[in-house]
Amino acid sequence: MERQQKKQAERKEWPATPDEEGDADGFTNKRRVMLMETAAGPDLFRKMQKEESPPLEASLSSEHTDTWAPSIVSSSSSSLPCLSPPLPPSVGLDGVLVEERLVLDVYRGGAEVLPVFWEFVQERMRGLQYLRLGSEDEGALERALKVLPLLTQLRSLAIRGCRFHDPQGDPLPGLLSSLPDSVSSLSLLVHLDLSFNQLSSLPPCLLSFSRLSELLLCHNNLTTLPEGIGALGSLRRVSLLGNRLVDLPRDLGLLCRLEELDVSFNLLENLPDELGQLQNLQRLELSNNRLRALPETLGSLRSLRQLLIQSNDLRSVPECLHSLPMLDNLDVRNNPLGRPPTPPPLAHTTPVVEDSDIPELHLGFNQHSFQVSPAGCHVFLPGGAELLFPRQCVGVVTQLQWAEKRPDRKWVWLEEHDVLLSRQLELRPHGATFEKLVEVCIPYRKTRKGDVVVRRFDGQSWTTQTTMTRRGSDKHSCRPGGRPARLACCSVSQFSWFVAVRCPFLDSCCVSSEGALLVSQCHPGIKLTFPADCTAETRTVTLQVLQVALSEVQDLTGDPHASAGPLLRLSQTPSMHFLQPIRVQVPLPPGVTGHMVDLSRLHLMHGDPTAHTWTDVTAQVSLYVTHIYAVFFITHFSWYWLWYTTHRCVSGVVRKMYHRLKQFRVRFLALQRKNDPEQILLQCLPSDKAESRLESLADQYEGPQPSELCVLLEGEQFFAGFERGIDINSDRPDCKDGRLSFTFYSHLKNIKEVYVCATHPVQTTIRGQVSFYRGEVPSDLPEEVARKRKGHDDQWMATLPLRIPKSEIDGSISGELNLGDPESGYLTQTNLLSISLRINQEWQNIGINLGMSYEQLERIRHQHR
């Protein structure tokens, strides 16, 4: 080792020789020798040198030295074993080639050394059965594909992209776009993974792999599959997730051994009837496509266990699926089941309508007016909103305006358990009618459970619009380099006010005298079965499902074995009793199964939405349990909730739990800017986000820890009162008598920044506080209460301390005030600033009285504080 290190040190001082000069690929001859020695091993390398009569340089063909990036040439002196790059310096042949397995996709550009291994350890490479390559380096991949057909013993081959990331953290895409026909020599291949690449069509050589049992082509650009795919009769698993398939070939039905087929996240609109021939199919994944109907032949899949069809456009599910003997998982969420057909939306679900003739318009935050011509326009608003005006939607050039406002309880309509997801978007002129539907897309914050809908206010009432969700355009100038916003889109003919709202999953259907079946998209195990002749006239029924966390139930009841199933909200139009009992199936509460359930602890609760009472009706309905479900029969629609608990008085516990479902646990922040303690940031946010928010603000703000836990309802009003010697330093529309008004929305920021000052001039540091109260600002506030605590004690939620340093500004007014002159204008920002220190806080009132907007004054105050 010491001798080797000494020679390395000496070699660094040698001048470059012809052997050390780089070739066209940037590799020196000594570097070739080093790579060759490491690939073959020191003993085998010396043996090859002895056996070869000509020099090693001459033994390598020009073809290899020109095409291999890690080319190899001998040297009479010893060389440092090294494959770096692409492999780390400490990794040799035995580190990547173990038995018949070669793993190179964990090293960036690792495919580069595959030709080297084939040239110098050919005997070991001939028996290779397992190979993994990365496809992020085009040159290395091209050279590796020339060697690939020679590895005829391969059983498993993976060439994948997205294995590494660039400096910005984005995954590097795979560059494989095809396979050479010579790869068909891999006749023993049983597993092939070409995911995360750029394949636009299935390579023809794949159809010759008669033994192939697993084919993974996820996240490519495939638009169609060849009809000859039926030749792969040994396939057991096929995954085509995340491609652009618009249809499936009929030959797919010839794959008689297929057990798993995944074609989710494609563009499929229909399925071939031949899918019903896959008698061994156990899992079929069809989610996130554009399917409007399923073939009746799916009823022949007697081995099917899982059928995932969520997030399509299915209005009904074939009855034959319910008779499949092995089916235990049918996922139909996010489908308009039972709803009447609706016309297609104006825009596709793709981010932007591909029409180069429609001009684009990107507006800034201060551009609240724009024009639309008969040629149409795609308008991008600040914050992520988009407006799409099709051609001929207006007859002449039309001036339009937009404004985004803070949500006000008076202008936002929320039903129980609804959540506001966006600020209010106002489009003017109100009531202006367009000749074609205009697509309005509202950006909204991420939500986990429920449907996202757009609600529109026409000046008198709110209506829920038919809504499609999608990602925004990559061209949006407001999000450079970022991921496009989530958009809730609706098509309208008139402008007004719009907001995005999350509501519980809602399923509806029309029930006639022939009967019907309604399945919940939230949980496929929740079903309503309407028998024939249950109604004399057609009526519309709706089903809403609310899930409840098991931990909250046990925490509220104090019973570690307590549990509750999903809450059902059933309604109908018109409201009348059914002529025959309706069968309702719900899952048993979590942790409860049919073989161990104690029926004396099982309670079916009936809720009265008007009186807000809950009654135990277990003894009044025909209730029985199966292994995982509970079934009961009703004739009256209302709220129903299945509970499992030892409590005897269940109604009181259920009422408390129902109220908790509508509450959010929150914490309050009150922070002061480090370079200006008079600037106060107030925020109310969910409790689980308070600590991370405090850390993100630590560089610019300081203050007390977040408040203790409090509970608020969605849309509930609260206010902040500054007390003990401090008050708000301006007249604000949302402030009265020192009380700053808020409206809590769980998915919005609920944040305001204000400037405070001393209530009375003092020469010492002020140790005040800000308190948070429920309710509205009272009109008659007693002076003694305002001096002590601004609000009623029973409405108090939290108090946080504030510390305002001693003020060094003299608030007295002296001398003549310069309010401007006729030439320069009677009120400018310059002369307003010149008098601000002399008149103290009154300068803002003067600005308002002389015509300056509140936003302008706040901007001046912030810039020159």
Foldseek 3Di string as FASTA:
>chain_A
DVVVVVVVVVVVPDDDDQQQDADPLRHGQLQQALALCLLQDVVLSVVVCVVDPDAQVVVDDPVCVVQQSSHYGHDPDDHQNAPPVQDDRVDGNCNQCPQQEGEQQLTVLSLRCQVSNCVRVVVSQLQRAYYEAEQLDPSSVVVSLVCQLSNQNYAEYEYAFQNDADPVRHGRAGADAEHDLSNLSNQNYAYYHYERYAHQAHHPSVLSNQNHAYYHHEQYAHAAYDLSNLSNQNHAEYAHHNYAHAAYHLSVLSNQNHAYYAHANYAYAAYDLSVLSNQNHAEYHHDHYAYAAYDPSVLNNLNYAEYAHAHYAYQAHDPSVVVRPRHDYYFHAHYQHADDDDDDAPDDQPADDPDPQAEEAEDDPPDFKDKAALSWYWYAYAPAKIKTGHHQQDHGIDMKGKDWDADDLVPDDDDFPKFFFATKIFIDDFPDFTPFWMKIKTFGDDDDAADKWKWFDRPPDIDTFDWDKHFHDQPHPNAVPDGGTIIIMGIDGGTGMMTIMGDFQKHKHKAAQCWDKTAGNVGRQKIKTGHHRQDHGIKMKMKGKAADDQVVLCVLVVFPPKFKFIKIFIDMPPFDWTNFWIKTKGWDTPPDFQVPADVVQKFKWFADVVVLWIDTCVVVWDWDHHGTMIMTIDGHGGMIMIIGDPDPPVGVSVSVRVVVSQKAKKWWDWKAFPVGRQKIKIWIAGPVCQVVVCVVCVVGIDFDGIWDIDIDGQFFKKWKAKAQFKAFLADDPQDDLRIGIWTDGHNDTRMDITGMDGPDQDQAKTKIKMWMFGDDQDPDFDPVCSHHPRDDPVRTDTMTIGIGGHDPADQAADDDQQQDDPVVDRHDLVSLVVCCSRNPSCSNVVCVVVPDDPVVVVVSVVVPD
